Amino acid sequence: MISIYKDGVKDLLYPKKGNITKHKNLLNIEKPQSYSAAQVRKLRRFLQLSQGLFAEVMGVSLATVVAWENGANEPSGSSCRLMDMLAINPDILLECKVVEFKS
């Protein structure tokens, strides 16, 4: 698969002129959205995962997911970033082999 993203970043950071540039102003990097307890629960249910399986997918403990869904804790930036990606493209779990179906 050809990645348009990788080609675009490469062209921005390393123009063909030979000058190496690292200008953040060439890329717009969105901050991950914050997730409330209800939004975490909604995403988990959308993915049709139990709290335990969602915890495994997210790389956190079951207690962490329970705390997120109860509103005791808020997900960190990296967890929010991953949830943003899962909300847009749940197939990423299969594409990145985080989840595989057993036959």
N, C-alpha and C. Protein backbone atom coordinates (compact mmCIF):
# COMPACT_ATOMS: atom_id res chain seq x y z
N MET A 1 0.85 -1.18 0.00
CA MET A 1 0.00 0.00 0.00
C MET A 1 0.90 1.25 0.00
N ILE A 2 0.56 2.18 -0.85
CA ILE A 2 1.29 3.44 -0.92
C ILE A 2 0.65 4.40 0.06
N SER A 3 1.45 5.00 0.90
CA SER A 3 0.93 5.91 1.91
C SER A 3 1.04 7.36 1.43
N ILE A 4 -0.10 7.96 1.17
CA ILE A 4 -0.12 9.37 0.78
C ILE A 4 0.38 10.22 1.93
N TYR A 5 0.04 9.81 3.16
CA TYR A 5 0.48 10.54 4.35
C TYR A 5 2.00 10.60 4.41
N LYS A 6 2.65 9.44 4.29
CA LYS A 6 4.11 9.40 4.39
C LYS A 6 4.76 10.22 3.29
N ASP A 7 4.24 10.13 2.08
CA ASP A 7 4.80 10.91 0.98
C ASP A 7 4.63 12.41 1.22
N GLY A 8 3.45 12.80 1.74
CA GLY A 8 3.20 14.21 2.01
C GLY A 8 4.12 14.77 3.08
N VAL A 9 4.31 14.01 4.16
CA VAL A 9 5.20 14.45 5.24
C VAL A 9 6.64 14.53 4.73
N LYS A 10 7.04 13.53 3.99
CA LYS A 10 8.41 13.52 3.44
C LYS A 10 8.64 14.75 2.55
N ASP A 11 7.67 15.06 1.69
CA ASP A 11 7.81 16.22 0.80
C ASP A 11 7.88 17.53 1.58
N LEU A 12 7.10 17.62 2.69
CA LEU A 12 7.12 18.85 3.49
C LEU A 12 8.43 19.02 4.25
N LEU A 13 8.90 17.92 4.86
CA LEU A 13 10.07 18.02 5.71
C LEU A 13 11.39 17.99 4.94
N TYR A 14 11.38 17.33 3.81
CA TYR A 14 12.61 17.18 3.02
C TYR A 14 12.33 17.55 1.56
N PRO A 15 12.21 18.86 1.29
CA PRO A 15 11.92 19.27 -0.08
C PRO A 15 13.01 18.83 -1.05
N LYS A 16 12.63 18.72 -2.30
CA LYS A 16 13.55 18.23 -3.33
C LYS A 16 14.74 19.15 -3.57
N LYS A 17 14.70 20.37 -3.04
CA LYS A 17 15.80 21.31 -3.20
C LYS A 17 17.05 20.85 -2.47
N GLY A 18 16.89 19.92 -1.57
CA GLY A 18 18.04 19.45 -0.81
C GLY A 18 18.15 20.10 0.56
N ASN A 19 17.36 21.11 0.82
CA ASN A 19 17.38 21.75 2.13
C ASN A 19 16.53 20.95 3.10
N ILE A 20 17.09 20.61 4.24
CA ILE A 20 16.31 19.90 5.25
C ILE A 20 15.64 20.93 6.14
N THR A 21 14.33 20.83 6.24
CA THR A 21 13.58 21.76 7.08
C THR A 21 12.74 20.97 8.06
N LYS A 22 12.51 21.56 9.19
CA LYS A 22 11.64 20.96 10.19
C LYS A 22 10.72 22.04 10.73
N HIS A 23 9.83 22.49 9.90
CA HIS A 23 8.93 23.57 10.26
C HIS A 23 7.61 23.00 10.70
N LYS A 24 7.30 23.16 11.97
CA LYS A 24 6.03 22.67 12.49
C LYS A 24 4.87 23.38 11.81
N ASN A 25 5.11 24.61 11.33
CA ASN A 25 4.02 25.35 10.71
C ASN A 25 3.60 24.76 9.36
N LEU A 26 4.32 23.77 8.87
CA LEU A 26 3.94 23.11 7.62
C LEU A 26 2.90 22.02 7.87
N LEU A 27 2.82 21.55 9.09
CA LEU A 27 1.87 20.50 9.45
C LEU A 27 0.92 21.03 10.52
N ASN A 28 -0.34 20.72 10.37
CA ASN A 28 -1.31 21.07 11.41
C ASN A 28 -1.58 19.80 12.20
N ILE A 29 -1.15 19.75 13.44
CA ILE A 29 -1.35 18.57 14.27
C ILE A 29 -2.44 18.89 15.28
N GLU A 30 -3.58 18.25 15.10
CA GLU A 30 -4.72 18.47 15.98
C GLU A 30 -4.48 17.83 17.33
N LYS A 31 -4.93 18.48 18.38
CA LYS A 31 -4.87 17.89 19.71
C LYS A 31 -5.95 16.83 19.80
N PRO A 32 -5.69 15.75 20.55
CA PRO A 32 -6.76 14.76 20.72
C PRO A 32 -7.90 15.37 21.54
N GLN A 33 -9.12 14.92 21.24
CA GLN A 33 -10.24 15.43 22.01
C GLN A 33 -10.22 14.82 23.40
N SER A 34 -10.84 15.49 24.34
CA SER A 34 -11.00 14.94 25.69
C SER A 34 -12.18 13.99 25.67
N TYR A 35 -12.11 12.94 26.46
CA TYR A 35 -13.20 11.97 26.52
C TYR A 35 -13.82 11.96 27.91
N SER A 36 -15.12 12.21 27.96
CA SER A 36 -15.86 12.12 29.21
C SER A 36 -16.15 10.65 29.49
N ALA A 37 -16.65 10.37 30.68
CA ALA A 37 -17.01 9.00 31.05
C ALA A 37 -18.02 8.43 30.05
N ALA A 38 -19.02 9.23 29.71
CA ALA A 38 -20.06 8.77 28.78
C ALA A 38 -19.49 8.51 27.38
N GLN A 39 -18.53 9.34 26.94
CA GLN A 39 -17.94 9.15 25.62
C GLN A 39 -17.07 7.89 25.57
N VAL A 40 -16.35 7.61 26.64
CA VAL A 40 -15.54 6.39 26.69
C VAL A 40 -16.47 5.18 26.61
N ARG A 41 -17.53 5.18 27.41
CA ARG A 41 -18.49 4.08 27.42
C ARG A 41 -19.14 3.91 26.04
N LYS A 42 -19.51 5.04 25.42
CA LYS A 42 -20.15 5.01 24.10
C LYS A 42 -19.21 4.40 23.05
N LEU A 43 -17.94 4.79 23.08
CA LEU A 43 -16.97 4.23 22.13
C LEU A 43 -16.78 2.74 22.36
N ARG A 44 -16.65 2.36 23.62
CA ARG A 44 -16.45 0.93 23.94
C ARG A 44 -17.64 0.12 23.44
N ARG A 45 -18.82 0.62 23.66
CA ARG A 45 -20.01 -0.10 23.20
C ARG A 45 -20.11 -0.11 21.68
N PHE A 46 -19.72 1.00 21.05
CA PHE A 46 -19.69 1.05 19.58
C PHE A 46 -18.77 -0.03 19.03
N LEU A 47 -17.64 -0.25 19.71
CA LEU A 47 -16.68 -1.29 19.28
C LEU A 47 -17.14 -2.69 19.70
N GLN A 48 -18.21 -2.75 20.49
CA GLN A 48 -18.79 -4.00 20.98
C GLN A 48 -17.78 -4.80 21.80
N LEU A 49 -17.10 -4.10 22.69
CA LEU A 49 -16.10 -4.74 23.55
C LEU A 49 -16.53 -4.65 25.01
N SER A 50 -16.23 -5.68 25.76
CA SER A 50 -16.41 -5.61 27.21
C SER A 50 -15.38 -4.64 27.77
N GLN A 51 -15.55 -4.26 29.02
CA GLN A 51 -14.56 -3.39 29.64
C GLN A 51 -13.18 -4.06 29.66
N GLY A 52 -13.14 -5.36 29.93
CA GLY A 52 -11.87 -6.08 29.97
C GLY A 52 -11.17 -6.11 28.62
N LEU A 53 -11.93 -6.39 27.55
CA LEU A 53 -11.32 -6.42 26.21
C LEU A 53 -10.91 -5.03 25.76
N PHE A 54 -11.73 -4.03 26.10
CA PHE A 54 -11.38 -2.65 25.76
C PHE A 54 -10.08 -2.26 26.46
N ALA A 55 -9.93 -2.67 27.71
CA ALA A 55 -8.69 -2.39 28.46
C ALA A 55 -7.50 -3.02 27.75
N GLU A 56 -7.64 -4.26 27.29
CA GLU A 56 -6.54 -4.91 26.58
C GLU A 56 -6.20 -4.18 25.28
N VAL A 57 -7.22 -3.79 24.53
CA VAL A 57 -7.00 -3.05 23.29
C VAL A 57 -6.28 -1.73 23.56
N MET A 58 -6.68 -1.04 24.62
CA MET A 58 -6.11 0.26 24.95
C MET A 58 -4.74 0.15 25.63
N GLY A 59 -4.40 -1.05 26.10
CA GLY A 59 -3.11 -1.23 26.78
C GLY A 59 -3.11 -0.68 28.20
N VAL A 60 -4.29 -0.72 28.84
CA VAL A 60 -4.43 -0.25 30.21
C VAL A 60 -5.09 -1.35 31.03
N SER A 61 -5.18 -1.13 32.32
CA SER A 61 -5.81 -2.12 33.18
C SER A 61 -7.34 -1.98 33.15
N LEU A 62 -8.01 -3.04 33.56
CA LEU A 62 -9.46 -3.00 33.68
C LEU A 62 -9.87 -1.89 34.65
N ALA A 63 -9.13 -1.76 35.75
CA ALA A 63 -9.43 -0.72 36.74
C ALA A 63 -9.38 0.68 36.11
N THR A 64 -8.48 0.88 35.17
CA THR A 64 -8.37 2.18 34.49
C THR A 64 -9.61 2.46 33.67
N VAL A 65 -10.06 1.46 32.90
CA VAL A 65 -11.28 1.64 32.09
C VAL A 65 -12.48 1.90 32.99
N VAL A 66 -12.59 1.16 34.08
CA VAL A 66 -13.69 1.36 35.03
C VAL A 66 -13.64 2.79 35.58
N ALA A 67 -12.45 3.26 35.94
CA ALA A 67 -12.30 4.62 36.45
C ALA A 67 -12.67 5.65 35.40
N TRP A 68 -12.30 5.42 34.13
CA TRP A 68 -12.69 6.34 33.06
C TRP A 68 -14.20 6.40 32.95
N GLU A 69 -14.84 5.22 32.94
CA GLU A 69 -16.29 5.17 32.74
C GLU A 69 -17.08 5.66 33.95
N ASN A 70 -16.48 5.62 35.12
CA ASN A 70 -17.14 6.15 36.32
C ASN A 70 -16.86 7.63 36.51
N GLY A 71 -15.95 8.19 35.73
CA GLY A 71 -15.61 9.60 35.85
C GLY A 71 -14.59 9.89 36.93
N ALA A 72 -14.01 8.83 37.52
CA ALA A 72 -13.01 9.03 38.57
C ALA A 72 -11.69 9.53 37.98
N ASN A 73 -11.37 9.10 36.78
CA ASN A 73 -10.15 9.53 36.08
C ASN A 73 -10.50 9.89 34.65
N GLU A 74 -9.63 10.69 34.02
CA GLU A 74 -9.78 11.02 32.61
C GLU A 74 -8.67 10.35 31.83
N PRO A 75 -8.96 9.89 30.61
CA PRO A 75 -7.91 9.27 29.79
C PRO A 75 -6.80 10.27 29.48
N SER A 76 -5.57 9.75 29.40
CA SER A 76 -4.40 10.58 29.06
C SER A 76 -4.46 10.97 27.59
N GLY A 77 -3.56 11.85 27.21
CA GLY A 77 -3.50 12.31 25.81
C GLY A 77 -3.31 11.18 24.82
N SER A 78 -2.40 10.25 25.13
CA SER A 78 -2.15 9.15 24.18
C SER A 78 -3.36 8.22 24.09
N SER A 79 -4.05 8.00 25.20
CA SER A 79 -5.26 7.18 25.17
C SER A 79 -6.36 7.87 24.37
N CYS A 80 -6.48 9.18 24.55
CA CYS A 80 -7.46 9.94 23.78
C CYS A 80 -7.15 9.90 22.29
N ARG A 81 -5.87 10.00 21.95
CA ARG A 81 -5.47 9.94 20.54
C ARG A 81 -5.88 8.60 19.93
N LEU A 82 -5.62 7.51 20.66
CA LEU A 82 -6.00 6.18 20.17
C LEU A 82 -7.52 6.07 20.05
N MET A 83 -8.25 6.59 21.02
CA MET A 83 -9.71 6.54 20.94
C MET A 83 -10.23 7.35 19.75
N ASP A 84 -9.59 8.49 19.47
CA ASP A 84 -9.95 9.27 18.28
C ASP A 84 -9.82 8.41 17.02
N MET A 85 -8.71 7.70 16.92
CA MET A 85 -8.47 6.87 15.74
C MET A 85 -9.46 5.71 15.66
N LEU A 86 -9.76 5.09 16.80
CA LEU A 86 -10.70 3.98 16.82
C LEU A 86 -12.11 4.44 16.45
N ALA A 87 -12.47 5.64 16.87
CA ALA A 87 -13.81 6.16 16.56
C ALA A 87 -13.97 6.39 15.06
N ILE A 88 -12.90 6.79 14.40
CA ILE A 88 -12.95 7.05 12.95
C ILE A 88 -12.77 5.78 12.14
N ASN A 89 -11.85 4.92 12.59
CA ASN A 89 -11.52 3.72 11.82
C ASN A 89 -11.34 2.52 12.74
N PRO A 90 -12.45 1.88 13.15
CA PRO A 90 -12.32 0.73 14.04
C PRO A 90 -11.55 -0.43 13.40
N ASP A 91 -11.49 -0.46 12.06
CA ASP A 91 -10.76 -1.53 11.38
C ASP A 91 -9.26 -1.47 11.63
N ILE A 92 -8.80 -0.36 12.19
CA ILE A 92 -7.38 -0.25 12.50
C ILE A 92 -6.94 -1.36 13.46
N LEU A 93 -7.88 -1.84 14.27
CA LEU A 93 -7.56 -2.95 15.19
C LEU A 93 -7.17 -4.21 14.41
N LEU A 94 -7.83 -4.44 13.29
CA LEU A 94 -7.49 -5.59 12.45
C LEU A 94 -6.26 -5.31 11.60
N GLU A 95 -6.21 -4.11 11.03
CA GLU A 95 -5.10 -3.74 10.15
C GLU A 95 -3.76 -3.78 10.88
N CYS A 96 -3.75 -3.38 12.15
CA CYS A 96 -2.52 -3.38 12.93
C CYS A 96 -2.34 -4.66 13.74
N LYS A 97 -3.22 -5.61 13.52
CA LYS A 97 -3.17 -6.91 14.18
C LYS A 97 -3.22 -6.82 15.71
N VAL A 98 -3.95 -5.82 16.18
CA VAL A 98 -4.22 -5.73 17.61
C VAL A 98 -5.23 -6.81 17.97
N VAL A 99 -6.20 -7.03 17.06
CA VAL A 99 -7.23 -8.02 17.22
C VAL A 99 -7.20 -8.94 16.00
N GLU A 100 -7.28 -10.22 16.24
CA GLU A 100 -7.37 -11.19 15.16
C GLU A 100 -8.49 -12.18 15.49
N PHE A 101 -9.26 -12.55 14.49
CA PHE A 101 -10.32 -13.52 14.70
C PHE A 101 -9.75 -14.92 14.61
N LYS A 102 -10.11 -15.76 15.56
CA LYS A 102 -9.68 -17.15 15.54
C LYS A 102 -10.73 -17.97 14.80
N SER A 103 -10.25 -18.94 14.06
CA SER A 103 -11.20 -19.79 13.34
C SER A 103 -11.36 -21.14 14.00
